[in-house]
Amino acid sequence: MPILVLENIGKTYPSGPNGTVEILKGVNLVMEPSQTCAIVGPSGSGKSTLLNIVGTLDFSTTGRVLMDGQDVSMFDNADKAVFRNRRIGFVFQLHHLLPQCSVLENVLIPAIVNKDTGDAEKRADALLETVGLGDRRNHRPGQLSGGERQRVAVVRAMINNPKILLADEPTGSLDNSGAEKLGDLMVKLNKQFGMTLLVVTHSESLAERMDMIYELSSASLTRKK
């Protein structure tokens, strides 16, 4: 069974007294478990909007989203929040770490929301070791480099063992070296943990590492690889 199916996704916004602007039109996408996919395209083409629809942070005007066999388009807000926390991991261009919390505390936030007080700390320590930050668990974000902070954000996204990881320009705030290292890490984690990975990116280098590449342009999605 595919892990993600987008069926005829459309998105419009009101424009003026009687008009609308079409951001997405007839978007279709199928991803299998453990598959990786990049969505590229010009700024303002709707890439982040599409990712937010997949992640249940936004809703489509038409079509539906099936994730892990469930039609999440039909969920109410409370059900979406629970599903999002347990099944989906998010990585954004900015790390959004809490500056007053340690690395470990930041990583554990989704587990606390999920009321997972069991082995979450052990998982966090293991993941931090995997990404080379085991000795930074008690540091504050201000004591880390930009690349290290983004790696912490990746670990935080993975703490609840999500079915799919969504990344919106994850290397956008990093220099070339940091971007390459983060790209290597995401590919490594995909292979090690079998997580499905959907990335929105302007980076050709990061896109080429994915199994599939789609371009979003003029509200439509076209496969390039």
Protein backbone atom coordinates (compact mmCIF):
# COMPACT_ATOMS: atom_id res chain seq x y z
CA MET A 1 0.00 0.00 0.00
CA PRO A 2 1.36 3.48 -0.86
CA ILE A 3 2.24 5.60 2.16
CA LEU A 4 1.03 8.79 0.46
CA VAL A 5 -1.49 9.42 -2.30
CA LEU A 6 -2.50 12.88 -3.53
CA GLU A 7 -5.61 12.76 -5.71
CA ASN A 8 -6.50 15.79 -7.84
CA ILE A 9 -5.37 18.33 -5.25
CA GLY A 10 -6.45 21.88 -6.01
CA LYS A 11 -6.06 25.06 -3.96
CA THR A 12 -7.55 28.49 -4.60
CA TYR A 13 -7.51 31.69 -2.60
CA PRO A 14 -9.95 34.61 -2.77
CA SER A 15 -8.68 37.56 -4.81
CA GLY A 16 -10.58 40.81 -4.93
CA PRO A 17 -14.33 41.07 -4.41
CA ASN A 18 -15.31 38.18 -6.68
CA GLY A 19 -12.14 36.56 -8.01
CA THR A 20 -9.86 33.68 -7.01
CA VAL A 21 -6.22 32.79 -7.50
CA GLU A 22 -5.42 29.17 -8.39
CA ILE A 23 -2.31 27.95 -6.57
CA LEU A 24 -2.61 24.21 -7.22
CA LYS A 25 -4.55 22.42 -9.95
CA GLY A 26 -5.07 18.67 -10.40
CA VAL A 27 -1.96 17.67 -8.43
CA ASN A 28 -1.41 13.91 -8.20
CA LEU A 29 1.41 12.08 -6.46
CA VAL A 30 1.99 8.56 -5.15
CA MET A 31 4.81 7.61 -2.78
CA GLU A 32 5.67 4.14 -1.54
CA PRO A 33 7.03 3.41 1.96
CA SER A 34 10.71 4.42 2.32
CA GLN A 35 10.66 6.32 -0.98
CA THR A 36 12.19 9.79 -1.30
CA CYS A 37 10.88 12.65 -3.41
CA ALA A 38 11.88 16.26 -4.09
CA ILE A 39 9.51 18.99 -5.23
CA VAL A 40 11.24 21.85 -7.03
CA GLY A 41 9.98 24.92 -8.80
CA PRO A 42 10.13 28.72 -8.77
CA SER A 43 9.49 30.76 -5.64
CA GLY A 44 5.80 31.39 -5.11
CA SER A 45 4.72 28.37 -7.15
CA GLY A 46 2.89 26.74 -4.23
CA LYS A 47 5.49 24.20 -3.07
CA SER A 48 5.18 25.04 0.62
CA THR A 49 1.38 25.20 0.31
CA LEU A 50 1.38 21.68 -1.12
CA LEU A 51 3.66 20.43 1.66
CA ASN A 52 1.38 21.99 4.28
CA ILE A 53 -1.63 20.25 2.73
CA VAL A 54 0.20 16.92 2.89
CA GLY A 55 1.09 17.64 6.53
CA THR A 56 -2.53 18.58 7.42
CA LEU A 57 -1.44 22.13 8.33
CA ASP A 58 -3.56 23.45 5.43
CA PHE A 59 -6.48 22.08 3.44
CA SER A 60 -7.09 21.66 -0.26
CA THR A 61 -10.01 23.19 -2.15
CA THR A 62 -10.46 20.03 -4.19
CA GLY A 63 -9.14 16.47 -4.06
CA ARG A 64 -8.03 14.36 -1.13
CA VAL A 65 -4.91 13.22 0.73
CA LEU A 66 -4.51 9.56 1.66
CA MET A 67 -1.76 8.78 4.13
CA ASP A 68 -1.07 5.29 5.36
CA GLY A 69 -4.43 4.27 3.89
CA GLN A 70 -6.43 6.96 5.71
CA ASP A 71 -8.22 9.88 4.09
CA VAL A 72 -6.83 12.68 6.26
CA SER A 73 -8.84 15.21 4.25
CA MET A 74 -11.90 14.06 6.18
CA PHE A 75 -10.37 14.47 9.66
CA ASP A 76 -11.53 17.26 11.95
CA ASN A 77 -8.92 19.59 13.44
CA ALA A 78 -8.47 17.54 16.62
CA ASP A 79 -7.95 14.30 14.69
CA LYS A 80 -5.52 16.05 12.34
CA ALA A 81 -3.48 17.31 15.30
CA VAL A 82 -3.18 13.81 16.79
CA PHE A 83 -2.37 12.23 13.41
CA ARG A 84 0.19 14.94 12.65
CA ASN A 85 1.99 14.46 15.94
CA ARG A 86 2.15 10.67 15.71
CA ARG A 87 2.62 10.02 11.99
CA ILE A 88 4.31 13.06 10.44
CA GLY A 89 7.66 14.73 11.11
CA PHE A 90 8.40 18.29 10.00
CA VAL A 91 11.69 20.02 9.23
CA PHE A 92 11.57 23.68 8.21
CA GLN A 93 14.11 26.12 6.78
CA LEU A 94 14.48 27.67 10.24
CA HIS A 95 15.06 25.22 13.06
CA HIS A 96 12.49 26.74 15.49
CA LEU A 97 14.35 25.39 18.51
CA LEU A 98 13.46 26.89 21.89
CA PRO A 99 16.53 28.88 22.98
CA GLN A 100 15.92 28.36 26.71
CA CYS A 101 15.78 24.55 26.38
CA SER A 102 18.63 22.09 25.99
CA VAL A 103 19.11 20.02 22.86
CA LEU A 104 17.56 17.01 24.58
CA GLU A 105 14.58 19.03 25.85
CA ASN A 106 13.94 20.42 22.36
CA VAL A 107 14.04 16.95 20.84
CA LEU A 108 11.59 15.59 23.42
CA ILE A 109 8.89 18.24 22.89
CA PRO A 110 6.82 16.17 20.37
CA ALA A 111 7.07 13.12 22.64
CA ILE A 112 5.77 15.16 25.58
CA VAL A 113 2.85 16.38 23.48
CA ASN A 114 2.24 12.75 22.54
CA LYS A 115 2.36 11.89 26.27
CA ASP A 116 5.16 9.43 25.53
CA THR A 117 7.06 9.24 28.80
CA GLY A 118 8.41 5.74 28.18
CA ASP A 119 11.60 5.23 26.21
CA ALA A 120 11.51 8.62 24.44
CA GLU A 121 14.68 9.84 26.14
CA LYS A 122 16.53 6.67 25.13
CA ARG A 123 15.35 7.15 21.54
CA ALA A 124 16.43 10.78 21.67
CA ASP A 125 19.92 9.88 22.89
CA ALA A 126 20.25 7.17 20.24
CA LEU A 127 19.17 9.55 17.46
CA LEU A 128 21.49 12.28 18.68
CA GLU A 129 24.36 9.78 18.59
CA THR A 130 23.34 8.80 15.06
CA VAL A 131 23.58 12.39 13.83
CA GLY A 132 26.83 13.04 15.71
CA LEU A 133 25.39 15.19 18.48
CA GLY A 134 25.50 12.83 21.43
CA ASP A 135 27.92 15.12 23.26
CA ARG A 136 25.65 18.15 22.69
CA ARG A 137 22.54 16.85 24.49
CA ASN A 138 22.83 19.39 27.31
CA HIS A 139 23.86 22.36 25.18
CA ARG A 140 21.53 25.24 24.36
CA PRO A 141 20.79 26.04 20.68
CA GLY A 142 22.85 29.23 20.95
CA GLN A 143 25.92 27.08 21.64
CA LEU A 144 25.53 25.16 18.36
CA SER A 145 26.42 25.93 14.76
CA GLY A 146 23.68 26.43 12.17
CA GLY A 147 24.21 22.94 10.80
CA GLU A 148 24.09 21.41 14.27
CA ARG A 149 20.84 23.22 15.08
CA GLN A 150 19.28 21.89 11.88
CA ARG A 151 20.40 18.36 12.76
CA VAL A 152 18.67 18.75 16.13
CA ALA A 153 15.53 19.82 14.25
CA VAL A 154 15.73 16.63 12.17
CA VAL A 155 16.06 14.50 15.31
CA ARG A 156 13.09 16.30 16.87
CA ALA A 157 11.05 15.53 13.75
CA MET A 158 11.91 11.84 14.08
CA ILE A 159 11.39 11.33 17.82
CA ASN A 160 7.85 9.93 17.45
CA ASN A 161 8.90 7.48 14.69
CA PRO A 162 6.82 9.21 11.98
CA LYS A 163 5.67 7.38 8.87
CA ILE A 164 6.74 10.29 6.69
CA LEU A 165 9.18 13.17 7.08
CA LEU A 166 8.29 16.47 5.38
CA ALA A 167 11.11 18.96 4.86
CA ASP A 168 10.55 22.51 3.60
CA GLU A 169 13.82 24.01 2.30
CA PRO A 170 15.80 22.23 5.06
CA THR A 171 19.16 23.43 3.69
CA GLY A 172 18.02 26.95 2.79
CA SER A 173 19.61 28.66 5.79
CA LEU A 174 22.93 26.79 5.59
CA ASP A 175 26.16 27.43 3.71
CA ASN A 176 27.22 25.01 0.97
CA SER A 177 29.20 22.77 3.32
CA GLY A 178 26.40 22.62 5.89
CA ALA A 179 23.83 21.97 3.18
CA GLU A 180 25.84 19.07 1.78
CA LYS A 181 26.26 17.51 5.22
CA LEU A 182 22.55 17.83 5.99
CA GLY A 183 21.68 16.29 2.64
CA ASP A 184 24.01 13.37 3.38
CA LEU A 185 22.39 12.97 6.79
CA MET A 186 18.82 12.90 5.47
CA VAL A 187 19.71 10.26 2.90
CA LYS A 188 21.47 8.23 5.60
CA LEU A 189 18.48 8.42 7.93
CA ASN A 190 16.11 7.42 5.12
CA LYS A 191 18.15 4.29 4.46
CA GLN A 192 18.73 3.48 8.14
CA PHE A 193 15.18 3.97 9.39
CA GLY A 194 13.17 3.46 6.21
CA MET A 195 11.28 6.71 6.61
CA THR A 196 9.48 8.18 3.62
CA LEU A 197 10.93 11.58 2.78
CA LEU A 198 9.23 14.42 0.88
CA VAL A 199 11.41 17.50 0.40
CA VAL A 200 10.66 20.93 -1.01
CA THR A 201 13.92 22.48 -2.14
CA HIS A 202 15.66 24.93 -4.43
CA SER A 203 18.86 22.90 -4.12
CA GLU A 204 19.57 20.87 -7.26
CA SER A 205 22.15 18.85 -5.32
CA LEU A 206 19.64 17.82 -2.65
CA ALA A 207 16.91 17.13 -5.22
CA GLU A 208 19.17 14.80 -7.21
CA ARG A 209 19.69 12.62 -4.13
CA MET A 210 15.98 11.75 -4.06
CA ASP A 211 14.36 8.79 -5.84
CA MET A 212 11.91 11.08 -7.63
CA ILE A 213 11.88 14.75 -8.62
CA TYR A 214 8.70 16.68 -9.41
CA GLU A 215 8.48 20.27 -10.62
CA LEU A 216 5.62 22.49 -9.52
CA SER A 217 4.96 25.24 -12.02
CA SER A 218 1.84 27.06 -13.22
CA ALA A 219 -0.14 25.27 -10.46
CA SER A 220 0.64 21.82 -11.93
CA LEU A 221 3.01 19.06 -10.83
CA THR A 222 5.19 17.35 -13.44
CA ARG A 223 7.59 14.45 -12.88
CA LYS A 224 11.20 15.17 -13.92
CA LYS A 225 12.92 12.02 -12.57
